[in-house]
Amino acid sequence: MHLFTHTKPSPLLTRAAIAAAVMLAWSAPAYAYLDPATGSVLLQGLLAGIAGLMVVLRLYWGRLKAFFRRCLGRQPIDPAIVEKGKQ
């Protein structure tokens, strides 16, 4: 099954796309001012993204290791052997 089975877009979607294109084509320059707080917001967003990536990696670390072991052809460690070594 293909993702796009419709060959003809709806008239509402077509009209919305045309309206958006017209608005973007005839927009005036904003001459916006970026104050110093903008840089701190961008930095905060970057740090939040890095922290989020670290949390995701921590949550899926075992699956990630198993995936790379399979890709590299190494066999995963048998949990029974690991438990025996801890005793």
PDB file of N, CA and C in Angstrom:
ATOM      1  N   MET A   1       0.841  -1.178   0.000  1.00  0.00           N
ATOM      2  CA  MET A   1       0.000   0.000   0.000  1.00  0.00           C
ATOM      3  C   MET A   1       0.886   1.242   0.000  1.00  0.00           C
ATOM      4  N   HIS A   2       0.572   2.136  -0.894  1.00  0.00           N
ATOM      5  CA  HIS A   2       1.345   3.362  -0.998  1.00  0.00           C
ATOM      6  C   HIS A   2       0.822   4.406  -0.030  1.00  0.00           C
ATOM      7  N   LEU A   3       1.696   5.276   0.371  1.00  0.00           N
ATOM      8  CA  LEU A   3       1.331   6.314   1.317  1.00  0.00           C
ATOM      9  C   LEU A   3       0.342   7.299   0.701  1.00  0.00           C
ATOM     10  N   PHE A   4       0.581   7.674  -0.536  1.00  0.00           N
ATOM     11  CA  PHE A   4      -0.294   8.623  -1.218  1.00  0.00           C
ATOM     12  C   PHE A   4      -1.122   7.888  -2.255  1.00  0.00           C
ATOM     13  N   THR A   5      -2.353   7.574  -1.906  1.00  0.00           N
ATOM     14  CA  THR A   5      -3.219   6.866  -2.842  1.00  0.00           C
ATOM     15  C   THR A   5      -4.067   7.843  -3.642  1.00  0.00           C
ATOM     16  N   HIS A   6      -4.250   9.069  -3.131  1.00  0.00           N
ATOM     17  CA  HIS A   6      -4.986  10.078  -3.867  1.00  0.00           C
ATOM     18  C   HIS A   6      -4.111  10.634  -4.971  1.00  0.00           C
ATOM     19  N   THR A   7      -4.678  10.819  -6.129  1.00  0.00           N
ATOM     20  CA  THR A   7      -3.915  11.446  -7.199  1.00  0.00           C
ATOM     21  C   THR A   7      -4.292  12.910  -7.350  1.00  0.00           C
ATOM     22  N   LYS A   8      -5.499  13.284  -6.877  1.00  0.00           N
ATOM     23  CA  LYS A   8      -5.963  14.655  -7.015  1.00  0.00           C
ATOM     24  C   LYS A   8      -6.135  15.263  -5.625  1.00  0.00           C
ATOM     25  N   PRO A   9      -5.422  16.382  -5.321  1.00  0.00           N
ATOM     26  CA  PRO A   9      -5.588  16.996  -4.003  1.00  0.00           C
ATOM     27  C   PRO A   9      -6.961  17.650  -3.877  1.00  0.00           C
ATOM     28  N   SER A  10      -7.382  17.807  -2.643  1.00  0.00           N
ATOM     29  CA  SER A  10      -8.684  18.421  -2.410  1.00  0.00           C
ATOM     30  C   SER A  10      -8.645  19.897  -2.806  1.00  0.00           C
ATOM     31  N   PRO A  11      -9.781  20.445  -3.232  1.00  0.00           N
ATOM     32  CA  PRO A  11      -9.808  21.867  -3.615  1.00  0.00           C
ATOM     33  C   PRO A  11      -9.459  22.801  -2.452  1.00  0.00           C
ATOM     34  N   LEU A  12      -9.839  22.428  -1.233  1.00  0.00           N
ATOM     35  CA  LEU A  12      -9.523  23.259  -0.078  1.00  0.00           C
ATOM     36  C   LEU A  12      -8.013  23.332   0.142  1.00  0.00           C
ATOM     37  N   LEU A  13      -7.337  22.191   0.017  1.00  0.00           N
ATOM     38  CA  LEU A  13      -5.882  22.167   0.180  1.00  0.00           C
ATOM     39  C   LEU A  13      -5.196  22.975  -0.916  1.00  0.00           C
ATOM     40  N   THR A  14      -5.700  22.878  -2.130  1.00  0.00           N
ATOM     41  CA  THR A  14      -5.129  23.635  -3.244  1.00  0.00           C
ATOM     42  C   THR A  14      -5.288  25.130  -3.011  1.00  0.00           C
ATOM     43  N   ARG A  15      -6.487  25.546  -2.576  1.00  0.00           N
ATOM     44  CA  ARG A  15      -6.736  26.966  -2.324  1.00  0.00           C
ATOM     45  C   ARG A  15      -5.859  27.477  -1.178  1.00  0.00           C
ATOM     46  N   ALA A  16      -5.686  26.668  -0.138  1.00  0.00           N
ATOM     47  CA  ALA A  16      -4.851  27.065   0.992  1.00  0.00           C
ATOM     48  C   ALA A  16      -3.398  27.216   0.566  1.00  0.00           C
ATOM     49  N   ALA A  17      -2.908  26.320  -0.280  1.00  0.00           N
ATOM     50  CA  ALA A  17      -1.524  26.404  -0.756  1.00  0.00           C
ATOM     51  C   ALA A  17      -1.321  27.638  -1.623  1.00  0.00           C
ATOM     52  N   ILE A  18      -2.288  27.937  -2.460  1.00  0.00           N
ATOM     53  CA  ILE A  18      -2.177  29.127  -3.311  1.00  0.00           C
ATOM     54  C   ILE A  18      -2.214  30.390  -2.454  1.00  0.00           C
ATOM     55  N   ALA A  19      -3.114  30.426  -1.469  1.00  0.00           N
ATOM     56  CA  ALA A  19      -3.208  31.597  -0.588  1.00  0.00           C
ATOM     57  C   ALA A  19      -1.903  31.794   0.189  1.00  0.00           C
ATOM     58  N   ALA A  20      -1.301  30.709   0.684  1.00  0.00           N
ATOM     59  CA  ALA A  20      -0.038  30.815   1.414  1.00  0.00           C
ATOM     60  C   ALA A  20       1.077  31.315   0.500  1.00  0.00           C
ATOM     61  N   ALA A  21       1.122  30.829  -0.727  1.00  0.00           N
ATOM     62  CA  ALA A  21       2.144  31.275  -1.674  1.00  0.00           C
ATOM     63  C   ALA A  21       1.992  32.753  -2.003  1.00  0.00           C
ATOM     64  N   VAL A  22       0.749  33.207  -2.175  1.00  0.00           N
ATOM     65  CA  VAL A  22       0.508  34.620  -2.478  1.00  0.00           C
ATOM     66  C   VAL A  22       0.926  35.500  -1.308  1.00  0.00           C
ATOM     67  N   MET A  23       0.571  35.090  -0.072  1.00  0.00           N
ATOM     68  CA  MET A  23       0.949  35.881   1.103  1.00  0.00           C
ATOM     69  C   MET A  23       2.459  35.968   1.272  1.00  0.00           C
ATOM     70  N   LEU A  24       3.162  34.868   1.009  1.00  0.00           N
ATOM     71  CA  LEU A  24       4.616  34.883   1.138  1.00  0.00           C
ATOM     72  C   LEU A  24       5.283  35.686   0.031  1.00  0.00           C
ATOM     73  N   ALA A  25       4.679  35.694  -1.158  1.00  0.00           N
ATOM     74  CA  ALA A  25       5.281  36.399  -2.288  1.00  0.00           C
ATOM     75  C   ALA A  25       5.195  37.912  -2.131  1.00  0.00           C
ATOM     76  N   TRP A  26       4.098  38.403  -1.531  1.00  0.00           N
ATOM     77  CA  TRP A  26       3.903  39.840  -1.412  1.00  0.00           C
ATOM     78  C   TRP A  26       4.060  40.362   0.013  1.00  0.00           C
ATOM     79  N   SER A  27       4.883  39.737   0.794  1.00  0.00           N
ATOM     80  CA  SER A  27       5.085  40.219   2.164  1.00  0.00           C
ATOM     81  C   SER A  27       6.159  41.306   2.183  1.00  0.00           C
ATOM     82  N   ALA A  28       6.013  42.208   3.126  1.00  0.00           N
ATOM     83  CA  ALA A  28       6.970  43.306   3.260  1.00  0.00           C
ATOM     84  C   ALA A  28       8.101  42.890   4.195  1.00  0.00           C
ATOM     85  N   PRO A  29       9.285  43.491   4.053  1.00  0.00           N
ATOM     86  CA  PRO A  29      10.373  43.169   4.981  1.00  0.00           C
ATOM     87  C   PRO A  29       9.991  43.548   6.412  1.00  0.00           C
ATOM     88  N   ALA A  30      10.457  42.775   7.381  1.00  0.00           N
ATOM     89  CA  ALA A  30      10.059  42.976   8.766  1.00  0.00           C
ATOM     90  C   ALA A  30      10.941  43.991   9.484  1.00  0.00           C
ATOM     91  N   TYR A  31      12.198  44.125   9.112  1.00  0.00           N
ATOM     92  CA  TYR A  31      13.145  44.967   9.823  1.00  0.00           C
ATOM     93  C   TYR A  31      13.087  44.669  11.325  1.00  0.00           C
ATOM     94  N   ALA A  32      13.164  43.406  11.662  1.00  0.00           N
ATOM     95  CA  ALA A  32      13.018  42.958  13.045  1.00  0.00           C
ATOM     96  C   ALA A  32      14.307  43.207  13.828  1.00  0.00           C
ATOM     97  N   TYR A  33      14.142  43.401  15.113  1.00  0.00           N
ATOM     98  CA  TYR A  33      15.266  43.611  16.017  1.00  0.00           C
ATOM     99  C   TYR A  33      15.436  42.369  16.879  1.00  0.00           C
ATOM    100  N   LEU A  34      16.623  41.824  16.914  1.00  0.00           N
ATOM    101  CA  LEU A  34      16.923  40.675  17.754  1.00  0.00           C
ATOM    102  C   LEU A  34      17.709  41.161  18.961  1.00  0.00           C
ATOM    103  N   ASP A  35      17.076  41.102  20.122  1.00  0.00           N
ATOM    104  CA  ASP A  35      17.748  41.572  21.322  1.00  0.00           C
ATOM    105  C   ASP A  35      18.666  40.491  21.897  1.00  0.00           C
ATOM    106  N   PRO A  36      19.479  40.816  22.894  1.00  0.00           N
ATOM    107  CA  PRO A  36      20.410  39.841  23.459  1.00  0.00           C
ATOM    108  C   PRO A  36      19.735  38.601  24.045  1.00  0.00           C
ATOM    109  N   ALA A  37      18.493  38.720  24.467  1.00  0.00           N
ATOM    110  CA  ALA A  37      17.796  37.565  25.034  1.00  0.00           C
ATOM    111  C   ALA A  37      17.550  36.480  23.980  1.00  0.00           C
ATOM    112  N   THR A  38      17.521  36.861  22.714  1.00  0.00           N
ATOM    113  CA  THR A  38      17.305  35.884  21.645  1.00  0.00           C
ATOM    114  C   THR A  38      18.421  34.846  21.630  1.00  0.00           C
ATOM    115  N   GLY A  39      19.640  35.295  21.831  1.00  0.00           N
ATOM    116  CA  GLY A  39      20.771  34.359  21.861  1.00  0.00           C
ATOM    117  C   GLY A  39      20.672  33.388  23.015  1.00  0.00           C
ATOM    118  N   SER A  40      20.230  33.869  24.164  1.00  0.00           N
ATOM    119  CA  SER A  40      20.113  32.968  25.311  1.00  0.00           C
ATOM    120  C   SER A  40      18.981  31.963  25.109  1.00  0.00           C
ATOM    121  N   VAL A  41      17.906  32.373  24.443  1.00  0.00           N
ATOM    122  CA  VAL A  41      16.817  31.437  24.152  1.00  0.00           C
ATOM    123  C   VAL A  41      17.295  30.367  23.177  1.00  0.00           C
ATOM    124  N   LEU A  42      18.045  30.754  22.161  1.00  0.00           N
ATOM    125  CA  LEU A  42      18.587  29.779  21.214  1.00  0.00           C
ATOM    126  C   LEU A  42      19.549  28.813  21.906  1.00  0.00           C
ATOM    127  N   LEU A  43      20.396  29.342  22.783  1.00  0.00           N
ATOM    128  CA  LEU A  43      21.320  28.495  23.530  1.00  0.00           C
ATOM    129  C   LEU A  43      20.563  27.536  24.443  1.00  0.00           C
ATOM    130  N   GLN A  44      19.521  28.022  25.088  1.00  0.00           N
ATOM    131  CA  GLN A  44      18.716  27.177  25.965  1.00  0.00           C
ATOM    132  C   GLN A  44      18.036  26.070  25.170  1.00  0.00           C
ATOM    133  N   GLY A  45      17.545  26.367  23.989  1.00  0.00           N
ATOM    134  CA  GLY A  45      16.935  25.348  23.138  1.00  0.00           C
ATOM    135  C   GLY A  45      17.944  24.299  22.705  1.00  0.00           C
ATOM    136  N   LEU A  46      19.158  24.738  22.368  1.00  0.00           N
ATOM    137  CA  LEU A  46      20.212  23.808  21.978  1.00  0.00           C
ATOM    138  C   LEU A  46      20.588  22.881  23.132  1.00  0.00           C
ATOM    139  N   LEU A  47      20.753  23.459  24.326  1.00  0.00           N
ATOM    140  CA  LEU A  47      21.094  22.647  25.494  1.00  0.00           C
ATOM    141  C   LEU A  47      19.961  21.682  25.859  1.00  0.00           C
ATOM    142  N   ALA A  48      18.715  22.120  25.706  1.00  0.00           N
ATOM    143  CA  ALA A  48      17.581  21.233  25.975  1.00  0.00           C
ATOM    144  C   ALA A  48      17.553  20.076  24.983  1.00  0.00           C
ATOM    145  N   GLY A  49      17.875  20.344  23.733  1.00  0.00           N
ATOM    146  CA  GLY A  49      17.934  19.282  22.737  1.00  0.00           C
ATOM    147  C   GLY A  49      19.022  18.268  23.045  1.00  0.00           C
ATOM    148  N   ILE A  50      20.182  18.756  23.473  1.00  0.00           N
ATOM    149  CA  ILE A  50      21.286  17.861  23.844  1.00  0.00           C
ATOM    150  C   ILE A  50      20.912  17.026  25.057  1.00  0.00           C
ATOM    151  N   ALA A  51      20.280  17.667  26.059  1.00  0.00           N
ATOM    152  CA  ALA A  51      19.852  16.928  27.258  1.00  0.00           C
ATOM    153  C   ALA A  51      18.803  15.882  26.902  1.00  0.00           C
ATOM    154  N   GLY A  52      17.879  16.225  26.024  1.00  0.00           N
ATOM    155  CA  GLY A  52      16.868  15.268  25.587  1.00  0.00           C
ATOM    156  C   GLY A  52      17.478  14.089  24.855  1.00  0.00           C
ATOM    157  N   LEU A  53      18.466  14.351  24.011  1.00  0.00           N
ATOM    158  CA  LEU A  53      19.159  13.274  23.300  1.00  0.00           C
ATOM    159  C   LEU A  53      19.884  12.355  24.275  1.00  0.00           C
ATOM    160  N   MET A  54      20.481  12.943  25.306  1.00  0.00           N
ATOM    161  CA  MET A  54      21.181  12.127  26.300  1.00  0.00           C
ATOM    162  C   MET A  54      20.196  11.239  27.072  1.00  0.00           C
ATOM    163  N   VAL A  55      19.017  11.757  27.390  1.00  0.00           N
ATOM    164  CA  VAL A  55      18.010  10.958  28.089  1.00  0.00           C
ATOM    165  C   VAL A  55      17.533   9.808  27.211  1.00  0.00           C
ATOM    166  N   VAL A  56      17.299  10.090  25.938  1.00  0.00           N
ATOM    167  CA  VAL A  56      16.856   9.035  25.019  1.00  0.00           C
ATOM    168  C   VAL A  56      17.934   7.971  24.886  1.00  0.00           C
ATOM    169  N   LEU A  57      19.193   8.380  24.765  1.00  0.00           N
ATOM    170  CA  LEU A  57      20.278   7.402  24.671  1.00  0.00           C
ATOM    171  C   LEU A  57      20.368   6.561  25.939  1.00  0.00           C
ATOM    172  N   ARG A  58      20.162   7.194  27.088  1.00  0.00           N
ATOM    173  CA  ARG A  58      20.213   6.458  28.354  1.00  0.00           C
ATOM    174  C   ARG A  58      19.079   5.437  28.443  1.00  0.00           C
ATOM    175  N   LEU A  59      17.896   5.823  27.971  1.00  0.00           N
ATOM    176  CA  LEU A  59      16.749   4.922  28.038  1.00  0.00           C
ATOM    177  C   LEU A  59      16.903   3.721  27.099  1.00  0.00           C
ATOM    178  N   TYR A  60      17.491   3.951  25.937  1.00  0.00           N
ATOM    179  CA  TYR A  60      17.598   2.889  24.930  1.00  0.00           C
ATOM    180  C   TYR A  60      19.018   2.374  24.765  1.00  0.00           C
ATOM    181  N   TRP A  61      19.872   2.539  25.758  1.00  0.00           N
ATOM    182  CA  TRP A  61      21.273   2.147  25.648  1.00  0.00           C
ATOM    183  C   TRP A  61      21.433   0.650  25.386  1.00  0.00           C
ATOM    184  N   GLY A  62      20.690  -0.187  26.095  1.00  0.00           N
ATOM    185  CA  GLY A  62      20.801  -1.638  25.906  1.00  0.00           C
ATOM    186  C   GLY A  62      20.416  -2.058  24.498  1.00  0.00           C
ATOM    187  N   ARG A  63      19.331  -1.515  24.000  1.00  0.00           N
ATOM    188  CA  ARG A  63      18.906  -1.830  22.636  1.00  0.00           C
ATOM    189  C   ARG A  63      19.929  -1.344  21.619  1.00  0.00           C
ATOM    190  N   LEU A  64      20.500  -0.174  21.871  1.00  0.00           N
ATOM    191  CA  LEU A  64      21.493   0.375  20.956  1.00  0.00           C
ATOM    192  C   LEU A  64      22.746  -0.498  20.914  1.00  0.00           C
ATOM    193  N   LYS A  65      23.203  -0.964  22.071  1.00  0.00           N
ATOM    194  CA  LYS A  65      24.371  -1.852  22.111  1.00  0.00           C
ATOM    195  C   LYS A  65      24.083  -3.153  21.388  1.00  0.00           C
ATOM    196  N   ALA A  66      22.894  -3.734  21.629  1.00  0.00           N
ATOM    197  CA  ALA A  66      22.538  -4.992  20.971  1.00  0.00           C
ATOM    198  C   ALA A  66      22.475  -4.811  19.458  1.00  0.00           C
ATOM    199  N   PHE A  67      21.962  -3.676  19.007  1.00  0.00           N
ATOM    200  CA  PHE A  67      21.887  -3.414  17.574  1.00  0.00           C
ATOM    201  C   PHE A  67      23.279  -3.385  16.950  1.00  0.00           C
ATOM    202  N   PHE A  68      24.210  -2.660  17.588  1.00  0.00           N
ATOM    203  CA  PHE A  68      25.554  -2.579  17.021  1.00  0.00           C
ATOM    204  C   PHE A  68      26.297  -3.905  17.127  1.00  0.00           C
ATOM    205  N   ARG A  69      26.018  -4.676  18.152  1.00  0.00           N
ATOM    206  CA  ARG A  69      26.640  -5.999  18.230  1.00  0.00           C
ATOM    207  C   ARG A  69      26.171  -6.883  17.082  1.00  0.00           C
ATOM    208  N   ARG A  70      24.892  -6.804  16.774  1.00  0.00           N
ATOM    209  CA  ARG A  70      24.377  -7.586  15.643  1.00  0.00           C
ATOM    210  C   ARG A  70      24.968  -7.098  14.343  1.00  0.00           C
ATOM    211  N   CYS A  71      25.089  -5.788  14.192  1.00  0.00           N
ATOM    212  CA  CYS A  71      25.643  -5.226  12.951  1.00  0.00           C
ATOM    213  C   CYS A  71      27.108  -5.596  12.763  1.00  0.00           C
ATOM    214  N   LEU A  72      27.855  -5.636  13.853  1.00  0.00           N
ATOM    215  CA  LEU A  72      29.281  -5.935  13.775  1.00  0.00           C
ATOM    216  C   LEU A  72      29.562  -7.431  13.819  1.00  0.00           C
ATOM    217  N   GLY A  73      28.525  -8.231  14.021  1.00  0.00           N
ATOM    218  CA  GLY A  73      28.700  -9.675  14.010  1.00  0.00           C
ATOM    219  C   GLY A  73      29.120 -10.278  15.325  1.00  0.00           C
ATOM    220  N   ARG A  74      29.133  -9.500  16.397  1.00  0.00           N
ATOM    221  CA  ARG A  74      29.490 -10.038  17.712  1.00  0.00           C
ATOM    222  C   ARG A  74      28.245 -10.574  18.390  1.00  0.00           C
ATOM    223  N   GLN A  75      28.408 -11.616  19.139  1.00  0.00           N
ATOM    224  CA  GLN A  75      27.281 -12.193  19.864  1.00  0.00           C
ATOM    225  C   GLN A  75      27.080 -11.453  21.181  1.00  0.00           C
ATOM    226  N   PRO A  76      25.826 -11.219  21.569  1.00  0.00           N
ATOM    227  CA  PRO A  76      25.595 -10.578  22.868  1.00  0.00           C
ATOM    228  C   PRO A  76      26.020 -11.494  24.007  1.00  0.00           C
ATOM    229  N   ILE A  77      26.377 -10.894  25.122  1.00  0.00           N
ATOM    230  CA  ILE A  77      26.823 -11.644  26.286  1.00  0.00           C
ATOM    231  C   ILE A  77      25.639 -12.361  26.906  1.00  0.00           C
ATOM    232  N   ASP A  78      25.831 -13.621  27.269  1.00  0.00           N
ATOM    233  CA  ASP A  78      24.779 -14.413  27.903  1.00  0.00           C
ATOM    234  C   ASP A  78      24.549 -13.895  29.320  1.00  0.00           C
ATOM    235  N   PRO A  79      23.306 -13.493  29.673  1.00  0.00           N
ATOM    236  CA  PRO A  79      23.058 -12.954  31.010  1.00  0.00           C
ATOM    237  C   PRO A  79      23.369 -13.942  32.134  1.00  0.00           C
ATOM    238  N   ALA A  80      23.263 -15.238  31.881  1.00  0.00           N
ATOM    239  CA  ALA A  80      23.547 -16.238  32.921  1.00  0.00           C
ATOM    240  C   ALA A  80      25.030 -16.198  33.299  1.00  0.00           C
ATOM    241  N   ILE A  81      25.898 -15.984  32.328  1.00  0.00           N
ATOM    242  CA  ILE A  81      27.327 -15.913  32.606  1.00  0.00           C
ATOM    243  C   ILE A  81      27.642 -14.660  33.405  1.00  0.00           C
ATOM    244  N   VAL A  82      26.986 -13.560  33.086  1.00  0.00           N
ATOM    245  CA  VAL A  82      27.213 -12.306  33.801  1.00  0.00           C
ATOM    246  C   VAL A  82      26.783 -12.456  35.259  1.00  0.00           C
ATOM    247  N   GLU A  83      25.621 -13.060  35.494  1.00  0.00           N
ATOM    248  CA  GLU A  83      25.135 -13.250  36.866  1.00  0.00           C
ATOM    249  C   GLU A  83      26.068 -14.179  37.660  1.00  0.00           C
ATOM    250  N   LYS A  84      26.609 -15.219  36.999  1.00  0.00           N
ATOM    251  CA  LYS A  84      27.507 -16.149  37.671  1.00  0.00           C
ATOM    252  C   LYS A  84      28.802 -15.444  38.076  1.00  0.00           C
ATOM    253  N   GLY A  85      29.257 -14.491  37.247  1.00  0.00           N
ATOM    254  CA  GLY A  85      30.486 -13.767  37.543  1.00  0.00           C
ATOM    255  C   GLY A  85      30.322 -12.778  38.689  1.00  0.00           C
ATOM    256  N   LYS A  86      29.094 -12.309  38.929  1.00  0.00           N
ATOM    257  CA  LYS A  86      28.850 -11.367  40.005  1.00  0.00           C
ATOM    258  C   LYS A  86      28.865 -12.013  41.384  1.00  0.00           C
ATOM    259  N   GLN A  87      28.625 -13.310  41.433  1.00  0.00           N
ATOM    260  CA  GLN A  87      28.525 -13.986  42.730  1.00  0.00           C
ATOM    261  C   GLN A  87      29.858 -14.213  43.356  1.00  0.00           C
TER     262      GLN A  87
END
